[in-house]
Amino acid sequence: MSRLPSIFLVGPMGAGKSTLGKYLGQQLGWPFLDADKVIVERTGADIPWIFDMEGEEGFRRREEEVIDDLTQEPGIVLATGGGAVLRDSNRRHLHERGRVFYLWTPVDVQLARTRHDRNRPLLQTADPAAVLEALMTVRDPLYRDVAHHIIPTTSGNLRKVAEQVLACLEPA
């Protein structure tokens, strides 16, 4: 299976990118990388701290560098942050260097999956549902633009979602 393209997962917060990515990495025997975790490892600071000190723009610059580096790695499964698609260069690198899967998830499911997570700076607000709706309005067209495949993750059935992804990789 080493001749398969790297797998890049995009989608909103709570879509299951990291969970699915770990599982796919295990199934394929490939390294799983989470772009947000790589940013934390490289900076020695967590994402809320980066947002507080450098703002979203500073975080996006760091993310752009990490996406450029990681998409050049062969035979990996990469989970991107929900906003990685905001930069043209990220979309280009993702689309050209591997197979991109948009893990589509409706806002109500995102909200349920992220409601207790304090490590998501954009959701630390009085109305996280409104934030998720606004993010989806901006980002959904970008996810669709970069994706080679769109996979719904609403069911939450990890094995079935993984099977759909793997089926897309098989030669026609």
N, C-alpha and C. Protein backbone atom coordinates (compact mmCIF):
# COMPACT_ATOMS: atom_id res chain seq x y z
N MET A 1 0.81 -1.21 0.00
CA MET A 1 0.00 0.00 0.00
C MET A 1 0.85 1.26 0.00
N SER A 2 2.17 1.14 -0.03
CA SER A 2 3.02 2.32 0.06
C SER A 2 2.91 3.22 -1.17
N ARG A 3 2.38 2.70 -2.30
CA ARG A 3 2.26 3.53 -3.49
C ARG A 3 1.02 4.41 -3.47
N LEU A 4 0.21 4.26 -2.47
CA LEU A 4 -0.96 5.11 -2.34
C LEU A 4 -0.53 6.52 -1.97
N PRO A 5 -1.32 7.52 -2.36
CA PRO A 5 -0.98 8.90 -1.96
C PRO A 5 -1.21 9.10 -0.47
N SER A 6 -0.49 10.05 0.09
CA SER A 6 -0.76 10.42 1.48
C SER A 6 -2.21 10.86 1.61
N ILE A 7 -2.75 10.70 2.80
CA ILE A 7 -4.14 11.05 3.08
C ILE A 7 -4.16 12.30 3.93
N PHE A 8 -4.87 13.31 3.47
CA PHE A 8 -5.00 14.57 4.20
C PHE A 8 -6.47 14.77 4.55
N LEU A 9 -6.73 14.96 5.84
CA LEU A 9 -8.10 15.12 6.33
C LEU A 9 -8.37 16.58 6.65
N VAL A 10 -9.43 17.13 6.06
CA VAL A 10 -9.85 18.50 6.34
C VAL A 10 -11.29 18.46 6.80
N GLY A 11 -11.71 19.52 7.48
CA GLY A 11 -13.08 19.62 7.93
C GLY A 11 -13.15 20.45 9.20
N PRO A 12 -14.35 20.69 9.66
CA PRO A 12 -14.55 21.55 10.83
C PRO A 12 -14.15 20.87 12.13
N MET A 13 -14.10 21.67 13.18
CA MET A 13 -13.89 21.14 14.53
C MET A 13 -14.96 20.10 14.82
N GLY A 14 -14.55 19.00 15.41
CA GLY A 14 -15.52 17.98 15.78
C GLY A 14 -15.90 17.04 14.66
N ALA A 15 -15.25 17.14 13.51
CA ALA A 15 -15.59 16.24 12.39
C ALA A 15 -15.00 14.85 12.58
N GLY A 16 -13.98 14.75 13.45
CA GLY A 16 -13.36 13.45 13.69
C GLY A 16 -12.05 13.26 12.96
N LYS A 17 -11.41 14.35 12.55
CA LYS A 17 -10.17 14.25 11.78
C LYS A 17 -9.07 13.50 12.54
N SER A 18 -8.85 13.86 13.78
CA SER A 18 -7.78 13.22 14.56
C SER A 18 -8.12 11.77 14.89
N THR A 19 -9.33 11.51 15.28
CA THR A 19 -9.74 10.14 15.63
C THR A 19 -9.65 9.24 14.40
N LEU A 20 -10.20 9.69 13.29
CA LEU A 20 -10.16 8.91 12.06
C LEU A 20 -8.72 8.78 11.57
N GLY A 21 -7.96 9.87 11.65
CA GLY A 21 -6.57 9.83 11.19
C GLY A 21 -5.75 8.80 11.92
N LYS A 22 -5.88 8.73 13.23
CA LYS A 22 -5.15 7.72 14.02
C LYS A 22 -5.54 6.31 13.57
N TYR A 23 -6.83 6.10 13.40
CA TYR A 23 -7.33 4.79 12.99
C TYR A 23 -6.81 4.41 11.60
N LEU A 24 -6.88 5.34 10.65
CA LEU A 24 -6.39 5.07 9.30
C LEU A 24 -4.89 4.78 9.31
N GLY A 25 -4.15 5.55 10.10
CA GLY A 25 -2.71 5.30 10.21
C GLY A 25 -2.44 3.88 10.70
N GLN A 26 -3.20 3.43 11.69
CA GLN A 26 -3.04 2.06 12.20
C GLN A 26 -3.39 1.04 11.12
N GLN A 27 -4.48 1.27 10.41
CA GLN A 27 -4.91 0.32 9.38
C GLN A 27 -3.90 0.21 8.24
N LEU A 28 -3.30 1.32 7.87
CA LEU A 28 -2.35 1.34 6.76
C LEU A 28 -0.90 1.09 7.18
N GLY A 29 -0.64 1.19 8.48
CA GLY A 29 0.74 1.08 8.95
C GLY A 29 1.55 2.32 8.60
N TRP A 30 0.86 3.46 8.54
CA TRP A 30 1.49 4.73 8.19
C TRP A 30 1.54 5.63 9.42
N PRO A 31 2.49 6.56 9.44
CA PRO A 31 2.49 7.54 10.53
C PRO A 31 1.25 8.43 10.45
N PHE A 32 0.69 8.72 11.62
CA PHE A 32 -0.39 9.70 11.72
C PHE A 32 0.19 10.98 12.31
N LEU A 33 -0.09 12.09 11.65
CA LEU A 33 0.35 13.39 12.13
C LEU A 33 -0.84 14.32 12.26
N ASP A 34 -0.87 15.08 13.34
CA ASP A 34 -1.91 16.07 13.58
C ASP A 34 -1.22 17.43 13.48
N ALA A 35 -1.59 18.23 12.50
CA ALA A 35 -0.91 19.51 12.26
C ALA A 35 -0.90 20.39 13.51
N ASP A 36 -2.01 20.42 14.24
CA ASP A 36 -2.05 21.25 15.45
C ASP A 36 -1.05 20.76 16.49
N LYS A 37 -0.93 19.44 16.64
CA LYS A 37 0.03 18.91 17.61
C LYS A 37 1.47 19.19 17.19
N VAL A 38 1.73 19.16 15.89
CA VAL A 38 3.07 19.48 15.40
C VAL A 38 3.39 20.95 15.70
N ILE A 39 2.42 21.83 15.54
CA ILE A 39 2.62 23.25 15.87
C ILE A 39 2.97 23.39 17.34
N VAL A 40 2.24 22.70 18.20
CA VAL A 40 2.50 22.75 19.65
C VAL A 40 3.91 22.21 19.95
N GLU A 41 4.28 21.09 19.32
CA GLU A 41 5.61 20.52 19.55
C GLU A 41 6.71 21.49 19.11
N ARG A 42 6.52 22.12 17.97
CA ARG A 42 7.56 23.02 17.44
C ARG A 42 7.69 24.30 18.24
N THR A 43 6.58 24.80 18.76
CA THR A 43 6.62 26.08 19.47
C THR A 43 6.82 25.92 20.97
N GLY A 44 6.45 24.75 21.49
CA GLY A 44 6.50 24.55 22.93
C GLY A 44 5.38 25.27 23.66
N ALA A 45 4.37 25.70 22.92
CA ALA A 45 3.24 26.42 23.51
C ALA A 45 1.94 25.83 22.97
N ASP A 46 0.89 25.83 23.82
CA ASP A 46 -0.37 25.30 23.33
C ASP A 46 -1.08 26.32 22.44
N ILE A 47 -2.06 25.84 21.73
CA ILE A 47 -2.74 26.68 20.73
C ILE A 47 -3.45 27.88 21.36
N PRO A 48 -4.16 27.72 22.48
CA PRO A 48 -4.77 28.91 23.10
C PRO A 48 -3.72 29.99 23.43
N TRP A 49 -2.54 29.58 23.89
CA TRP A 49 -1.48 30.54 24.20
C TRP A 49 -1.01 31.25 22.94
N ILE A 50 -0.83 30.49 21.85
CA ILE A 50 -0.41 31.11 20.58
C ILE A 50 -1.45 32.13 20.13
N PHE A 51 -2.73 31.77 20.22
CA PHE A 51 -3.80 32.70 19.85
C PHE A 51 -3.76 33.96 20.73
N ASP A 52 -3.55 33.76 22.03
CA ASP A 52 -3.50 34.90 22.96
C ASP A 52 -2.32 35.82 22.66
N MET A 53 -1.16 35.24 22.39
CA MET A 53 0.06 36.03 22.22
C MET A 53 0.25 36.57 20.81
N GLU A 54 -0.14 35.79 19.81
CA GLU A 54 0.14 36.15 18.42
C GLU A 54 -1.11 36.41 17.60
N GLY A 55 -2.27 36.12 18.17
CA GLY A 55 -3.51 36.27 17.43
C GLY A 55 -3.68 35.15 16.42
N GLU A 56 -4.83 35.16 15.77
CA GLU A 56 -5.09 34.11 14.78
C GLU A 56 -4.10 34.19 13.63
N GLU A 57 -3.72 35.39 13.23
CA GLU A 57 -2.78 35.55 12.11
C GLU A 57 -1.44 34.88 12.41
N GLY A 58 -0.93 35.05 13.62
CA GLY A 58 0.32 34.40 14.01
C GLY A 58 0.20 32.89 13.97
N PHE A 59 -0.92 32.40 14.47
CA PHE A 59 -1.15 30.96 14.43
C PHE A 59 -1.21 30.47 13.00
N ARG A 60 -1.92 31.18 12.11
CA ARG A 60 -2.06 30.76 10.71
C ARG A 60 -0.71 30.74 9.99
N ARG A 61 0.18 31.68 10.33
CA ARG A 61 1.53 31.65 9.74
C ARG A 61 2.26 30.38 10.13
N ARG A 62 2.18 30.04 11.40
CA ARG A 62 2.83 28.81 11.88
C ARG A 62 2.20 27.58 11.21
N GLU A 63 0.90 27.60 11.10
CA GLU A 63 0.18 26.48 10.49
C GLU A 63 0.59 26.31 9.02
N GLU A 64 0.73 27.42 8.31
CA GLU A 64 1.11 27.37 6.90
C GLU A 64 2.48 26.69 6.72
N GLU A 65 3.41 27.02 7.58
CA GLU A 65 4.74 26.41 7.52
C GLU A 65 4.66 24.90 7.79
N VAL A 66 3.88 24.53 8.77
CA VAL A 66 3.74 23.11 9.13
C VAL A 66 3.05 22.34 8.01
N ILE A 67 2.01 22.89 7.43
CA ILE A 67 1.30 22.22 6.33
C ILE A 67 2.24 22.02 5.14
N ASP A 68 3.03 23.05 4.82
CA ASP A 68 3.99 22.93 3.73
C ASP A 68 4.97 21.79 4.01
N ASP A 69 5.51 21.74 5.21
CA ASP A 69 6.47 20.68 5.57
C ASP A 69 5.83 19.30 5.53
N LEU A 70 4.69 19.15 6.22
CA LEU A 70 4.10 17.82 6.38
C LEU A 70 3.55 17.25 5.09
N THR A 71 3.03 18.09 4.20
CA THR A 71 2.46 17.56 2.96
C THR A 71 3.54 17.04 2.01
N GLN A 72 4.79 17.30 2.33
CA GLN A 72 5.89 16.77 1.51
C GLN A 72 6.34 15.39 1.99
N GLU A 73 5.80 14.94 3.13
CA GLU A 73 6.14 13.61 3.67
C GLU A 73 5.36 12.54 2.91
N PRO A 74 6.04 11.49 2.46
CA PRO A 74 5.31 10.41 1.76
C PRO A 74 4.65 9.45 2.74
N GLY A 75 3.54 8.86 2.31
CA GLY A 75 2.90 7.79 3.07
C GLY A 75 2.49 8.15 4.48
N ILE A 76 1.78 9.26 4.63
CA ILE A 76 1.31 9.68 5.95
C ILE A 76 -0.19 9.90 5.92
N VAL A 77 -0.76 9.93 7.11
CA VAL A 77 -2.14 10.38 7.30
C VAL A 77 -2.02 11.67 8.12
N LEU A 78 -2.56 12.76 7.58
CA LEU A 78 -2.45 14.07 8.22
C LEU A 78 -3.82 14.63 8.52
N ALA A 79 -4.04 14.98 9.79
CA ALA A 79 -5.25 15.71 10.19
C ALA A 79 -4.87 17.18 10.29
N THR A 80 -5.60 18.02 9.58
CA THR A 80 -5.34 19.46 9.61
C THR A 80 -6.26 20.12 10.62
N GLY A 81 -5.92 21.33 11.03
CA GLY A 81 -6.83 22.12 11.84
C GLY A 81 -7.99 22.60 10.98
N GLY A 82 -9.10 22.92 11.61
CA GLY A 82 -10.29 23.33 10.88
C GLY A 82 -10.10 24.53 9.98
N GLY A 83 -9.18 25.44 10.34
CA GLY A 83 -8.96 26.64 9.55
C GLY A 83 -7.81 26.56 8.57
N ALA A 84 -7.20 25.40 8.43
CA ALA A 84 -6.05 25.26 7.52
C ALA A 84 -6.40 25.65 6.09
N VAL A 85 -7.66 25.47 5.72
CA VAL A 85 -8.06 25.76 4.33
C VAL A 85 -8.19 27.25 4.04
N LEU A 86 -8.03 28.10 5.03
CA LEU A 86 -8.19 29.54 4.82
C LEU A 86 -7.09 30.12 3.96
N ARG A 87 -5.93 29.51 3.93
CA ARG A 87 -4.81 30.01 3.13
C ARG A 87 -4.73 29.27 1.80
N ASP A 88 -4.59 30.06 0.73
CA ASP A 88 -4.47 29.48 -0.61
C ASP A 88 -3.33 28.48 -0.70
N SER A 89 -2.19 28.82 -0.12
CA SER A 89 -1.03 27.93 -0.22
C SER A 89 -1.31 26.59 0.46
N ASN A 90 -2.02 26.60 1.57
CA ASN A 90 -2.36 25.34 2.24
C ASN A 90 -3.26 24.49 1.35
N ARG A 91 -4.27 25.11 0.75
CA ARG A 91 -5.18 24.36 -0.12
C ARG A 91 -4.41 23.78 -1.31
N ARG A 92 -3.54 24.56 -1.88
CA ARG A 92 -2.75 24.11 -3.03
C ARG A 92 -1.86 22.92 -2.63
N HIS A 93 -1.11 23.07 -1.52
CA HIS A 93 -0.22 21.99 -1.09
C HIS A 93 -0.99 20.71 -0.76
N LEU A 94 -2.08 20.85 -0.07
CA LEU A 94 -2.89 19.69 0.28
C LEU A 94 -3.40 19.00 -0.99
N HIS A 95 -3.99 19.75 -1.88
CA HIS A 95 -4.62 19.18 -3.07
C HIS A 95 -3.60 18.53 -4.02
N GLU A 96 -2.45 19.16 -4.16
CA GLU A 96 -1.46 18.68 -5.12
C GLU A 96 -0.58 17.56 -4.58
N ARG A 97 -0.45 17.43 -3.26
CA ARG A 97 0.53 16.51 -2.69
C ARG A 97 -0.05 15.25 -2.08
N GLY A 98 -1.36 15.08 -2.14
CA GLY A 98 -1.96 13.88 -1.57
C GLY A 98 -3.43 13.81 -1.92
N ARG A 99 -4.13 12.92 -1.24
CA ARG A 99 -5.57 12.76 -1.46
C ARG A 99 -6.28 13.42 -0.29
N VAL A 100 -7.13 14.40 -0.59
CA VAL A 100 -7.79 15.19 0.45
C VAL A 100 -9.22 14.71 0.64
N PHE A 101 -9.55 14.45 1.91
CA PHE A 101 -10.89 14.03 2.30
C PHE A 101 -11.50 15.10 3.19
N TYR A 102 -12.63 15.62 2.76
CA TYR A 102 -13.39 16.57 3.57
C TYR A 102 -14.35 15.75 4.43
N LEU A 103 -14.13 15.79 5.73
CA LEU A 103 -15.01 15.10 6.66
C LEU A 103 -16.14 16.06 7.02
N TRP A 104 -17.25 15.90 6.32
CA TRP A 104 -18.39 16.81 6.48
C TRP A 104 -19.20 16.41 7.71
N THR A 105 -19.49 17.40 8.53
CA THR A 105 -20.26 17.20 9.75
C THR A 105 -21.13 18.43 9.99
N PRO A 106 -22.42 18.27 10.24
CA PRO A 106 -23.28 19.43 10.48
C PRO A 106 -22.94 20.12 11.81
N VAL A 107 -23.32 21.36 11.90
CA VAL A 107 -22.98 22.18 13.07
C VAL A 107 -23.51 21.59 14.37
N ASP A 108 -24.71 21.04 14.38
CA ASP A 108 -25.24 20.50 15.64
C ASP A 108 -24.38 19.34 16.16
N VAL A 109 -23.84 18.55 15.26
CA VAL A 109 -22.97 17.44 15.66
C VAL A 109 -21.61 18.00 16.13
N GLN A 110 -21.10 19.00 15.43
CA GLN A 110 -19.85 19.64 15.86
C GLN A 110 -19.99 20.18 17.28
N LEU A 111 -21.10 20.84 17.52
CA LEU A 111 -21.35 21.43 18.84
C LEU A 111 -21.37 20.36 19.93
N ALA A 112 -22.06 19.28 19.66
CA ALA A 112 -22.14 18.18 20.64
C ALA A 112 -20.76 17.59 20.91
N ARG A 113 -19.95 17.46 19.88
CA ARG A 113 -18.63 16.83 20.02
C ARG A 113 -17.59 17.74 20.65
N THR A 114 -17.78 19.05 20.58
CA THR A 114 -16.76 19.99 21.07
C THR A 114 -17.17 20.73 22.34
N ARG A 115 -18.34 20.48 22.85
CA ARG A 115 -18.89 21.32 23.93
C ARG A 115 -18.04 21.35 25.20
N HIS A 116 -17.25 20.31 25.47
CA HIS A 116 -16.45 20.28 26.70
C HIS A 116 -14.97 20.54 26.44
N ASP A 117 -14.61 20.83 25.20
CA ASP A 117 -13.20 20.99 24.84
C ASP A 117 -12.76 22.44 25.05
N ARG A 118 -11.87 22.67 25.99
CA ARG A 118 -11.38 24.03 26.30
C ARG A 118 -10.16 24.40 25.48
N ASN A 119 -9.71 23.49 24.61
CA ASN A 119 -8.51 23.75 23.82
C ASN A 119 -8.85 24.30 22.43
N ARG A 120 -10.04 24.85 22.28
CA ARG A 120 -10.47 25.42 21.00
C ARG A 120 -10.78 26.89 21.21
N PRO A 121 -9.79 27.74 20.97
CA PRO A 121 -9.93 29.17 21.29
C PRO A 121 -11.13 29.84 20.63
N LEU A 122 -11.46 29.46 19.41
CA LEU A 122 -12.56 30.12 18.71
C LEU A 122 -13.92 29.82 19.33
N LEU A 123 -13.99 28.77 20.14
CA LEU A 123 -15.27 28.41 20.76
C LEU A 123 -15.43 28.91 22.18
N GLN A 124 -14.46 29.61 22.68
CA GLN A 124 -14.53 30.13 24.05
C GLN A 124 -15.34 31.43 24.03
N THR A 125 -16.63 31.29 23.82
CA THR A 125 -17.55 32.41 23.65
C THR A 125 -18.91 32.03 24.24
N ALA A 126 -19.76 33.02 24.41
CA ALA A 126 -21.09 32.77 24.97
C ALA A 126 -21.97 31.97 24.01
N ASP A 127 -21.72 32.06 22.70
CA ASP A 127 -22.57 31.38 21.72
C ASP A 127 -21.73 30.58 20.73
N PRO A 128 -21.19 29.44 21.17
CA PRO A 128 -20.35 28.64 20.26
C PRO A 128 -21.10 28.16 19.02
N ALA A 129 -22.41 27.95 19.11
CA ALA A 129 -23.18 27.52 17.94
C ALA A 129 -23.12 28.57 16.84
N ALA A 130 -23.25 29.84 17.22
CA ALA A 130 -23.18 30.91 16.23
C ALA A 130 -21.79 30.97 15.60
N VAL A 131 -20.76 30.73 16.41
CA VAL A 131 -19.39 30.72 15.87
C VAL A 131 -19.23 29.59 14.87
N LEU A 132 -19.70 28.39 15.22
CA LEU A 132 -19.59 27.25 14.32
C LEU A 132 -20.36 27.48 13.02
N GLU A 133 -21.54 28.09 13.13
CA GLU A 133 -22.32 28.42 11.91
C GLU A 133 -21.56 29.38 11.02
N ALA A 134 -20.99 30.43 11.62
CA ALA A 134 -20.23 31.42 10.85
C ALA A 134 -19.00 30.79 10.20
N LEU A 135 -18.30 29.95 10.97
CA LEU A 135 -17.13 29.28 10.42
C LEU A 135 -17.51 28.38 9.25
N MET A 136 -18.60 27.65 9.39
CA MET A 136 -19.04 26.74 8.34
C MET A 136 -19.41 27.51 7.08
N THR A 137 -20.05 28.67 7.24
CA THR A 137 -20.43 29.47 6.08
C THR A 137 -19.19 29.86 5.26
N VAL A 138 -18.13 30.24 5.94
CA VAL A 138 -16.89 30.65 5.26
C VAL A 138 -16.10 29.45 4.76
N ARG A 139 -15.99 28.43 5.59
CA ARG A 139 -15.05 27.34 5.32
C ARG A 139 -15.60 26.21 4.45
N ASP A 140 -16.90 25.94 4.51
CA ASP A 140 -17.46 24.82 3.74
C ASP A 140 -17.09 24.90 2.25
N PRO A 141 -17.22 26.06 1.60
CA PRO A 141 -16.83 26.11 0.18
C PRO A 141 -15.33 25.84 -0.03
N LEU A 142 -14.51 26.21 0.94
CA LEU A 142 -13.07 25.97 0.83
C LEU A 142 -12.75 24.49 1.02
N TYR A 143 -13.43 23.85 1.98
CA TYR A 143 -13.25 22.41 2.16
C TYR A 143 -13.64 21.67 0.88
N ARG A 144 -14.77 22.07 0.31
CA ARG A 144 -15.25 21.42 -0.91
C ARG A 144 -14.29 21.64 -2.08
N ASP A 145 -13.71 22.83 -2.13
CA ASP A 145 -12.79 23.18 -3.22
C ASP A 145 -11.51 22.33 -3.16
N VAL A 146 -10.98 22.12 -1.98
CA VAL A 146 -9.71 21.41 -1.83
C VAL A 146 -9.87 19.90 -1.88
N ALA A 147 -11.05 19.40 -1.58
CA ALA A 147 -11.27 17.96 -1.39
C ALA A 147 -11.31 17.20 -2.71
N HIS A 148 -10.73 16.02 -2.66
CA HIS A 148 -10.91 15.04 -3.73
C HIS A 148 -12.17 14.21 -3.46
N HIS A 149 -12.48 14.07 -2.16
CA HIS A 149 -13.64 13.27 -1.74
C HIS A 149 -14.30 13.93 -0.53
N ILE A 150 -15.63 13.83 -0.47
CA ILE A 150 -16.39 14.33 0.68
C ILE A 150 -17.02 13.13 1.38
N ILE A 151 -16.71 12.99 2.67
CA ILE A 151 -17.18 11.85 3.46
C ILE A 151 -17.96 12.38 4.66
N PRO A 152 -19.26 12.08 4.77
CA PRO A 152 -20.01 12.48 5.96
C PRO A 152 -19.55 11.68 7.19
N THR A 153 -19.42 12.36 8.32
CA THR A 153 -19.02 11.67 9.55
C THR A 153 -20.10 11.77 10.63
N THR A 154 -21.30 12.09 10.22
CA THR A 154 -22.40 12.29 11.16
C THR A 154 -22.68 11.04 11.99
N SER A 155 -22.58 9.87 11.38
CA SER A 155 -22.92 8.63 12.08
C SER A 155 -22.01 8.37 13.27
N GLY A 156 -20.77 8.84 13.19
CA GLY A 156 -19.82 8.59 14.26
C GLY A 156 -19.28 7.17 14.25
N ASN A 157 -19.59 6.38 13.23
CA ASN A 157 -19.10 5.01 13.13
C ASN A 157 -17.72 5.03 12.47
N LEU A 158 -16.70 4.97 13.30
CA LEU A 158 -15.33 5.12 12.86
C LEU A 158 -14.95 4.10 11.78
N ARG A 159 -15.29 2.85 12.00
CA ARG A 159 -14.91 1.80 11.05
C ARG A 159 -15.55 2.03 9.69
N LYS A 160 -16.83 2.40 9.67
CA LYS A 160 -17.51 2.63 8.38
C LYS A 160 -16.94 3.83 7.65
N VAL A 161 -16.64 4.89 8.38
CA VAL A 161 -16.06 6.08 7.75
C VAL A 161 -14.68 5.73 7.18
N ALA A 162 -13.90 4.98 7.94
CA ALA A 162 -12.56 4.56 7.47
C ALA A 162 -12.69 3.70 6.22
N GLU A 163 -13.66 2.80 6.19
CA GLU A 163 -13.87 1.96 5.01
C GLU A 163 -14.21 2.81 3.78
N GLN A 164 -15.00 3.87 3.98
CA GLN A 164 -15.32 4.75 2.86
C GLN A 164 -14.06 5.45 2.34
N VAL A 165 -13.22 5.92 3.25
CA VAL A 165 -11.98 6.57 2.84
C VAL A 165 -11.10 5.59 2.08
N LEU A 166 -10.89 4.42 2.64
CA LEU A 166 -10.01 3.44 2.02
C LEU A 166 -10.55 2.98 0.65
N ALA A 167 -11.86 2.89 0.51
CA ALA A 167 -12.45 2.51 -0.77
C ALA A 167 -12.15 3.55 -1.86
N CYS A 168 -12.03 4.81 -1.46
CA CYS A 168 -11.70 5.87 -2.41
C CYS A 168 -10.26 5.78 -2.91
N LEU A 169 -9.43 5.09 -2.16
CA LEU A 169 -8.02 4.97 -2.53
C LEU A 169 -7.77 3.80 -3.49
N GLU A 170 -8.70 2.86 -3.52
CA GLU A 170 -8.51 1.68 -4.36
C GLU A 170 -8.59 2.07 -5.84
N PRO A 171 -7.75 1.45 -6.67
CA PRO A 171 -7.82 1.73 -8.11
C PRO A 171 -9.19 1.37 -8.67
N ALA A 172 -9.63 2.14 -9.65
CA ALA A 172 -10.95 1.91 -10.24
C ALA A 172 -10.98 0.60 -11.01
